[in-house]
């Protein structure tokens, strides 16, 4: 299982993986930061870009924060 630090910018104009910001991957999503909508959008975006099932991606920490740690099952660090 691989764990990746990410920095999420919710309520953006589009869903996009921006690139590395230090040791974190910067991700922008259109969804607002309410009721887990932005978190779900992050998982959907990562699953689409990695061509894997969204059930293999889990937010481990930072559910209510822009800084999060995401675990990806079946991937090595």
PDB file of N, CA and C in Angstrom:
ATOM      1  N   UNK A   1       0.847  -1.178   0.000  1.00  0.00           N
ATOM      2  CA  UNK A   1       0.000   0.000   0.000  1.00  0.00           C
ATOM      3  C   UNK A   1       0.895   1.244   0.000  1.00  0.00           C
ATOM      4  N   UNK A   2       0.622   2.128  -0.909  1.00  0.00           N
ATOM      5  CA  UNK A   2       1.361   3.385  -0.991  1.00  0.00           C
ATOM      6  C   UNK A   2       0.563   4.477  -0.291  1.00  0.00           C
ATOM      7  N   UNK A   3       1.276   5.362   0.387  1.00  0.00           N
ATOM      8  CA  UNK A   3       0.644   6.523   1.015  1.00  0.00           C
ATOM      9  C   UNK A   3       1.244   7.781   0.409  1.00  0.00           C
ATOM     10  N   UNK A   4       0.363   8.705   0.047  1.00  0.00           N
ATOM     11  CA  UNK A   4       0.794   9.944  -0.596  1.00  0.00           C
ATOM     12  C   UNK A   4       0.199  11.125   0.153  1.00  0.00           C
ATOM     13  N   UNK A   5       1.026  12.125   0.414  1.00  0.00           N
ATOM     14  CA  UNK A   5       0.536  13.382   0.998  1.00  0.00           C
ATOM     15  C   UNK A   5       0.000  14.241  -0.124  1.00  0.00           C
ATOM     16  N   UNK A   6      -1.192  14.799   0.100  1.00  0.00           N
ATOM     17  CA  UNK A   6      -1.775  15.668  -0.918  1.00  0.00           C
ATOM     18  C   UNK A   6      -2.232  16.979  -0.290  1.00  0.00           C
ATOM     19  N   UNK A   7      -2.303  17.996  -1.110  1.00  0.00           N
ATOM     20  CA  UNK A   7      -2.827  19.312  -0.740  1.00  0.00           C
ATOM     21  C   UNK A   7      -3.997  19.567  -1.667  1.00  0.00           C
ATOM     22  N   UNK A   8      -5.187  19.705  -1.094  1.00  0.00           N
ATOM     23  CA  UNK A   8      -6.404  19.846  -1.890  1.00  0.00           C
ATOM     24  C   UNK A   8      -6.867  21.301  -1.899  1.00  0.00           C
ATOM     25  N   UNK A   9      -7.210  21.778  -3.090  1.00  0.00           N
ATOM     26  CA  UNK A   9      -7.800  23.100  -3.257  1.00  0.00           C
ATOM     27  C   UNK A   9      -9.233  22.874  -3.758  1.00  0.00           C
ATOM     28  N   UNK A  10     -10.216  22.966  -2.862  1.00  0.00           N
ATOM     29  CA  UNK A  10     -11.607  22.747  -3.271  1.00  0.00           C
ATOM     30  C   UNK A  10     -12.199  23.978  -3.951  1.00  0.00           C
ATOM     31  N   UNK A  11     -13.366  23.801  -4.539  1.00  0.00           N
ATOM     32  CA  UNK A  11     -14.112  24.881  -5.195  1.00  0.00           C
ATOM     33  C   UNK A  11     -13.281  25.567  -6.287  1.00  0.00           C
ATOM     34  N   UNK A  12     -12.513  24.782  -7.033  1.00  0.00           N
ATOM     35  CA  UNK A  12     -11.710  25.311  -8.137  1.00  0.00           C
ATOM     36  C   UNK A  12     -12.532  25.300  -9.423  1.00  0.00           C
ATOM     37  N   UNK A  13     -11.964  25.839 -10.475  1.00  0.00           N
ATOM     38  CA  UNK A  13     -12.688  25.914 -11.744  1.00  0.00           C
ATOM     39  C   UNK A  13     -12.730  24.567 -12.470  1.00  0.00           C
ATOM     40  N   UNK A  14     -11.807  23.649 -12.139  1.00  0.00           N
ATOM     41  CA  UNK A  14     -11.790  22.335 -12.781  1.00  0.00           C
ATOM     42  C   UNK A  14     -11.122  21.311 -11.880  1.00  0.00           C
ATOM     43  N   UNK A  15     -11.344  20.035 -12.188  1.00  0.00           N
ATOM     44  CA  UNK A  15     -10.693  18.936 -11.473  1.00  0.00           C
ATOM     45  C   UNK A  15      -9.377  18.650 -12.184  1.00  0.00           C
ATOM     46  N   UNK A  16      -8.273  18.806 -11.464  1.00  0.00           N
ATOM     47  CA  UNK A  16      -6.964  18.626 -12.091  1.00  0.00           C
ATOM     48  C   UNK A  16      -5.906  18.301 -11.030  1.00  0.00           C
ATOM     49  N   UNK A  17      -4.951  17.469 -11.427  1.00  0.00           N
ATOM     50  CA  UNK A  17      -3.770  17.237 -10.601  1.00  0.00           C
ATOM     51  C   UNK A  17      -2.736  18.247 -11.082  1.00  0.00           C
ATOM     52  N   UNK A  18      -2.381  19.182 -10.207  1.00  0.00           N
ATOM     53  CA  UNK A  18      -1.501  20.286 -10.587  1.00  0.00           C
ATOM     54  C   UNK A  18      -0.054  19.835 -10.678  1.00  0.00           C
ATOM     55  N   UNK A  19       0.404  19.080  -9.683  1.00  0.00           N
ATOM     56  CA  UNK A  19       1.790  18.634  -9.642  1.00  0.00           C
ATOM     57  C   UNK A  19       2.283  18.643  -8.213  1.00  0.00           C
ATOM     58  N   UNK A  20       3.568  18.481  -8.061  1.00  0.00           N
ATOM     59  CA  UNK A  20       4.155  18.388  -6.726  1.00  0.00           C
ATOM     60  C   UNK A  20       4.379  19.770  -6.129  1.00  0.00           C
ATOM     61  N   UNK A  21       3.998  19.902  -4.887  1.00  0.00           N
ATOM     62  CA  UNK A  21       4.207  21.110  -4.095  1.00  0.00           C
ATOM     63  C   UNK A  21       5.021  20.661  -2.892  1.00  0.00           C
ATOM     64  N   UNK A  22       6.342  20.713  -3.035  1.00  0.00           N
ATOM     65  CA  UNK A  22       7.208  20.142  -2.002  1.00  0.00           C
ATOM     66  C   UNK A  22       7.047  18.630  -2.005  1.00  0.00           C
ATOM     67  N   UNK A  23       6.647  18.064  -0.866  1.00  0.00           N
ATOM     68  CA  UNK A  23       6.464  16.618  -0.752  1.00  0.00           C
ATOM     69  C   UNK A  23       5.005  16.204  -0.926  1.00  0.00           C
ATOM     70  N   UNK A  24       4.145  17.156  -1.230  1.00  0.00           N
ATOM     71  CA  UNK A  24       2.715  16.870  -1.403  1.00  0.00           C
ATOM     72  C   UNK A  24       2.298  17.054  -2.853  1.00  0.00           C
ATOM     73  N   UNK A  25       1.331  16.243  -3.250  1.00  0.00           N
ATOM     74  CA  UNK A  25       0.753  16.359  -4.574  1.00  0.00           C
ATOM     75  C   UNK A  25      -0.418  17.330  -4.494  1.00  0.00           C
ATOM     76  N   UNK A  26      -0.381  18.398  -5.298  1.00  0.00           N
ATOM     77  CA  UNK A  26      -1.438  19.403  -5.270  1.00  0.00           C
ATOM     78  C   UNK A  26      -2.546  19.006  -6.234  1.00  0.00           C
ATOM     79  N   UNK A  27      -3.776  18.975  -5.700  1.00  0.00           N
ATOM     80  CA  UNK A  27      -4.940  18.579  -6.478  1.00  0.00           C
ATOM     81  C   UNK A  27      -6.027  19.637  -6.326  1.00  0.00           C
ATOM     82  N   UNK A  28      -6.592  20.071  -7.458  1.00  0.00           N
ATOM     83  CA  UNK A  28      -7.712  21.011  -7.436  1.00  0.00           C
ATOM     84  C   UNK A  28      -8.975  20.262  -7.848  1.00  0.00           C
ATOM     85  N   UNK A  29     -10.065  20.520  -7.116  1.00  0.00           N
ATOM     86  CA  UNK A  29     -11.352  19.904  -7.452  1.00  0.00           C
ATOM     87  C   UNK A  29     -12.449  20.960  -7.464  1.00  0.00           C
ATOM     88  N   UNK A  30     -13.453  20.745  -8.296  1.00  0.00           N
ATOM     89  CA  UNK A  30     -14.578  21.678  -8.408  1.00  0.00           C
ATOM     90  C   UNK A  30     -15.503  21.601  -7.198  1.00  0.00           C
ATOM     91  N   UNK A  31     -15.554  20.462  -6.545  1.00  0.00           N
ATOM     92  CA  UNK A  31     -16.488  20.241  -5.438  1.00  0.00           C
ATOM     93  C   UNK A  31     -16.181  21.154  -4.250  1.00  0.00           C
ATOM     94  N   UNK A  32     -17.216  21.581  -3.549  1.00  0.00           N
ATOM     95  CA  UNK A  32     -17.012  22.424  -2.363  1.00  0.00           C
ATOM     96  C   UNK A  32     -16.546  21.591  -1.168  1.00  0.00           C
ATOM     97  N   UNK A  33     -15.917  22.251  -0.208  1.00  0.00           N
ATOM     98  CA  UNK A  33     -15.416  21.538   0.968  1.00  0.00           C
ATOM     99  C   UNK A  33     -16.503  21.329   2.022  1.00  0.00           C
ATOM    100  N   UNK A  34     -17.565  20.654   1.660  1.00  0.00           N
ATOM    101  CA  UNK A  34     -18.651  20.435   2.604  1.00  0.00           C
ATOM    102  C   UNK A  34     -19.203  19.022   2.451  1.00  0.00           C
ATOM    103  N   UNK A  35     -19.499  18.409   3.577  1.00  0.00           N
ATOM    104  CA  UNK A  35     -20.118  17.074   3.625  1.00  0.00           C
ATOM    105  C   UNK A  35     -19.351  16.029   2.836  1.00  0.00           C
ATOM    106  N   UNK A  36     -18.024  16.153   2.790  1.00  0.00           N
ATOM    107  CA  UNK A  36     -17.190  15.152   2.127  1.00  0.00           C
ATOM    108  C   UNK A  36     -17.186  15.201   0.608  1.00  0.00           C
ATOM    109  N   UNK A  37     -17.782  16.237   0.027  1.00  0.00           N
ATOM    110  CA  UNK A  37     -17.858  16.329  -1.431  1.00  0.00           C
ATOM    111  C   UNK A  37     -16.481  16.472  -2.071  1.00  0.00           C
ATOM    112  N   UNK A  38     -15.630  17.318  -1.496  1.00  0.00           N
ATOM    113  CA  UNK A  38     -14.286  17.506  -2.050  1.00  0.00           C
ATOM    114  C   UNK A  38     -13.459  16.231  -1.894  1.00  0.00           C
ATOM    115  N   UNK A  39     -13.599  15.546  -0.768  1.00  0.00           N
ATOM    116  CA  UNK A  39     -12.868  14.296  -0.551  1.00  0.00           C
ATOM    117  C   UNK A  39     -13.282  13.254  -1.592  1.00  0.00           C
ATOM    118  N   UNK A  40     -14.571  13.132  -1.853  1.00  0.00           N
ATOM    119  CA  UNK A  40     -15.058  12.187  -2.855  1.00  0.00           C
ATOM    120  C   UNK A  40     -14.534  12.551  -4.240  1.00  0.00           C
ATOM    121  N   UNK A  41     -14.473  13.834  -4.547  1.00  0.00           N
ATOM    122  CA  UNK A  41     -13.967  14.286  -5.845  1.00  0.00           C
ATOM    123  C   UNK A  41     -12.484  13.955  -6.001  1.00  0.00           C
ATOM    124  N   UNK A  42     -11.725  14.081  -4.921  1.00  0.00           N
ATOM    125  CA  UNK A  42     -10.299  13.734  -4.948  1.00  0.00           C
ATOM    126  C   UNK A  42     -10.139  12.245  -5.248  1.00  0.00           C
ATOM    127  N   UNK A  43     -10.903  11.424  -4.571  1.00  0.00           N
ATOM    128  CA  UNK A  43     -10.820   9.976  -4.791  1.00  0.00           C
ATOM    129  C   UNK A  43     -11.217   9.636  -6.230  1.00  0.00           C
ATOM    130  N   UNK A  44     -12.280  10.244  -6.725  1.00  0.00           N
ATOM    131  CA  UNK A  44     -12.715  10.003  -8.102  1.00  0.00           C
ATOM    132  C   UNK A  44     -11.642  10.408  -9.114  1.00  0.00           C
ATOM    133  N   UNK A  45     -11.040  11.563  -8.896  1.00  0.00           N
ATOM    134  CA  UNK A  45     -10.008  12.048  -9.812  1.00  0.00           C
ATOM    135  C   UNK A  45      -8.787  11.129  -9.811  1.00  0.00           C
ATOM    136  N   UNK A  46      -8.321  10.759  -8.631  1.00  0.00           N
ATOM    137  CA  UNK A  46      -7.160   9.870  -8.541  1.00  0.00           C
ATOM    138  C   UNK A  46      -7.460   8.512  -9.174  1.00  0.00           C
ATOM    139  N   UNK A  47      -8.642   7.974  -8.915  1.00  0.00           N
ATOM    140  CA  UNK A  47      -9.013   6.674  -9.484  1.00  0.00           C
ATOM    141  C   UNK A  47      -9.035   6.738 -11.012  1.00  0.00           C
ATOM    142  N   UNK A  48      -9.575   7.824 -11.556  1.00  0.00           N
ATOM    143  CA  UNK A  48      -9.628   7.980 -13.011  1.00  0.00           C
ATOM    144  C   UNK A  48      -8.230   8.107 -13.610  1.00  0.00           C
ATOM    145  N   UNK A  49      -7.389   8.918 -12.996  1.00  0.00           N
ATOM    146  CA  UNK A  49      -6.034   9.136 -13.531  1.00  0.00           C
ATOM    147  C   UNK A  49      -5.167   7.890 -13.417  1.00  0.00           C
ATOM    148  N   UNK A  50      -5.368   7.099 -12.335  1.00  0.00           N
ATOM    149  CA  UNK A  50      -4.568   5.891 -12.133  1.00  0.00           C
ATOM    150  C   UNK A  50      -5.209   4.660 -12.768  1.00  0.00           C
ATOM    151  N   UNK A  51      -6.407   4.814 -13.314  1.00  0.00           N
ATOM    152  CA  UNK A  51      -7.153   3.718 -13.944  1.00  0.00           C
ATOM    153  C   UNK A  51      -7.344   2.544 -12.986  1.00  0.00           C
ATOM    154  N   UNK A  52      -7.774   2.869 -11.758  1.00  0.00           N
ATOM    155  CA  UNK A  52      -8.049   1.844 -10.761  1.00  0.00           C
ATOM    156  C   UNK A  52      -9.430   2.097 -10.165  1.00  0.00           C
ATOM    157  N   UNK A  53      -9.940   1.112  -9.461  1.00  0.00           N
ATOM    158  CA  UNK A  53     -11.238   1.243  -8.817  1.00  0.00           C
ATOM    159  C   UNK A  53     -11.144   2.230  -7.658  1.00  0.00           C
ATOM    160  N   UNK A  54     -12.156   3.056  -7.476  1.00  0.00           N
ATOM    161  CA  UNK A  54     -12.125   4.074  -6.411  1.00  0.00           C
ATOM    162  C   UNK A  54     -12.107   3.443  -5.027  1.00  0.00           C
ATOM    163  N   UNK A  55     -12.544   2.176  -4.901  1.00  0.00           N
ATOM    164  CA  UNK A  55     -12.521   1.485  -3.608  1.00  0.00           C
ATOM    165  C   UNK A  55     -11.106   1.170  -3.140  1.00  0.00           C
ATOM    166  N   UNK A  56     -10.121   1.277  -4.021  1.00  0.00           N
ATOM    167  CA  UNK A  56      -8.725   1.021  -3.660  1.00  0.00           C
ATOM    168  C   UNK A  56      -8.040   2.254  -3.090  1.00  0.00           C
ATOM    169  N   UNK A  57      -8.741   3.380  -3.083  1.00  0.00           N
ATOM    170  CA  UNK A  57      -8.176   4.641  -2.588  1.00  0.00           C
ATOM    171  C   UNK A  57      -8.923   5.055  -1.335  1.00  0.00           C
ATOM    172  N   UNK A  58      -8.162   5.437  -0.311  1.00  0.00           N
ATOM    173  CA  UNK A  58      -8.765   5.822   0.969  1.00  0.00           C
ATOM    174  C   UNK A  58      -8.032   7.042   1.533  1.00  0.00           C
ATOM    175  N   UNK A  59      -8.790   7.976   2.059  1.00  0.00           N
ATOM    176  CA  UNK A  59      -8.182   9.106   2.755  1.00  0.00           C
ATOM    177  C   UNK A  59      -7.919   8.655   4.185  1.00  0.00           C
ATOM    178  N   UNK A  60      -6.641   8.585   4.559  1.00  0.00           N
ATOM    179  CA  UNK A  60      -6.240   8.080   5.881  1.00  0.00           C
ATOM    180  C   UNK A  60      -6.321   9.149   6.956  1.00  0.00           C
ATOM    181  N   UNK A  61      -5.954  10.366   6.604  1.00  0.00           N
ATOM    182  CA  UNK A  61      -5.982  11.456   7.580  1.00  0.00           C
ATOM    183  C   UNK A  61      -6.234  12.773   6.868  1.00  0.00           C
ATOM    184  N   UNK A  62      -6.728  13.742   7.637  1.00  0.00           N
ATOM    185  CA  UNK A  62      -6.979  15.068   7.090  1.00  0.00           C
ATOM    186  C   UNK A  62      -8.331  15.218   6.426  1.00  0.00           C
ATOM    187  N   UNK A  63      -9.320  14.469   6.892  1.00  0.00           N
ATOM    188  CA  UNK A  63     -10.656  14.514   6.270  1.00  0.00           C
ATOM    189  C   UNK A  63     -11.242  15.929   6.215  1.00  0.00           C
ATOM    190  N   UNK A  64     -10.957  16.753   7.217  1.00  0.00           N
ATOM    191  CA  UNK A  64     -11.514  18.112   7.263  1.00  0.00           C
ATOM    192  C   UNK A  64     -10.439  19.169   7.019  1.00  0.00           C
ATOM    193  N   UNK A  65      -9.316  18.765   6.445  1.00  0.00           N
ATOM    194  CA  UNK A  65      -8.186  19.663   6.236  1.00  0.00           C
ATOM    195  C   UNK A  65      -7.781  19.645   4.762  1.00  0.00           C
ATOM    196  N   UNK A  66      -7.175  20.715   4.274  1.00  0.00           N
ATOM    197  CA  UNK A  66      -6.669  20.688   2.898  1.00  0.00           C
ATOM    198  C   UNK A  66      -5.474  19.745   2.734  1.00  0.00           C
ATOM    199  N   UNK A  67      -4.743  19.513   3.824  1.00  0.00           N
ATOM    200  CA  UNK A  67      -3.608  18.587   3.788  1.00  0.00           C
ATOM    201  C   UNK A  67      -4.098  17.207   4.204  1.00  0.00           C
ATOM    202  N   UNK A  68      -3.902  16.228   3.329  1.00  0.00           N
ATOM    203  CA  UNK A  68      -4.421  14.891   3.559  1.00  0.00           C
ATOM    204  C   UNK A  68      -3.357  13.849   3.261  1.00  0.00           C
ATOM    205  N   UNK A  69      -3.583  12.640   3.756  1.00  0.00           N
ATOM    206  CA  UNK A  69      -2.775  11.489   3.386  1.00  0.00           C
ATOM    207  C   UNK A  69      -3.726  10.482   2.763  1.00  0.00           C
ATOM    208  N   UNK A  70      -3.362  10.026   1.560  1.00  0.00           N
ATOM    209  CA  UNK A  70      -4.183   9.085   0.809  1.00  0.00           C
ATOM    210  C   UNK A  70      -3.428   7.765   0.690  1.00  0.00           C
ATOM    211  N   UNK A  71      -4.135   6.666   0.948  1.00  0.00           N
ATOM    212  CA  UNK A  71      -3.556   5.332   0.781  1.00  0.00           C
ATOM    213  C   UNK A  71      -4.118   4.704  -0.484  1.00  0.00           C
ATOM    214  N   UNK A  72      -3.243   4.084  -1.255  1.00  0.00           N
ATOM    215  CA  UNK A  72      -3.645   3.420  -2.490  1.00  0.00           C
ATOM    216  C   UNK A  72      -3.268   1.949  -2.377  1.00  0.00           C
ATOM    217  N   UNK A  73      -4.262   1.104  -2.283  1.00  0.00           N
ATOM    218  CA  UNK A  73      -4.032  -0.334  -2.147  1.00  0.00           C
ATOM    219  C   UNK A  73      -3.525  -0.906  -3.466  1.00  0.00           C
ATOM    220  N   UNK A  74      -2.590  -1.844  -3.340  1.00  0.00           N
ATOM    221  CA  UNK A  74      -2.038  -2.505  -4.521  1.00  0.00           C
ATOM    222  C   UNK A  74      -0.887  -1.750  -5.151  1.00  0.00           C
ATOM    223  N   UNK A  75      -0.523  -0.627  -4.595  1.00  0.00           N
ATOM    224  CA  UNK A  75       0.604   0.166  -5.096  1.00  0.00           C
ATOM    225  C   UNK A  75       1.705   0.179  -4.048  1.00  0.00           C
ATOM    226  N   UNK A  76       2.940   0.202  -4.498  1.00  0.00           N
ATOM    227  CA  UNK A  76       4.090   0.281  -3.585  1.00  0.00           C
ATOM    228  C   UNK A  76       4.583   1.718  -3.526  1.00  0.00           C
ATOM    229  N   UNK A  77       5.138   2.075  -2.376  1.00  0.00           N
ATOM    230  CA  UNK A  77       5.697   3.413  -2.230  1.00  0.00           C
ATOM    231  C   UNK A  77       6.954   3.524  -3.034  1.00  0.00           C
TER     232      UNK A  77
END
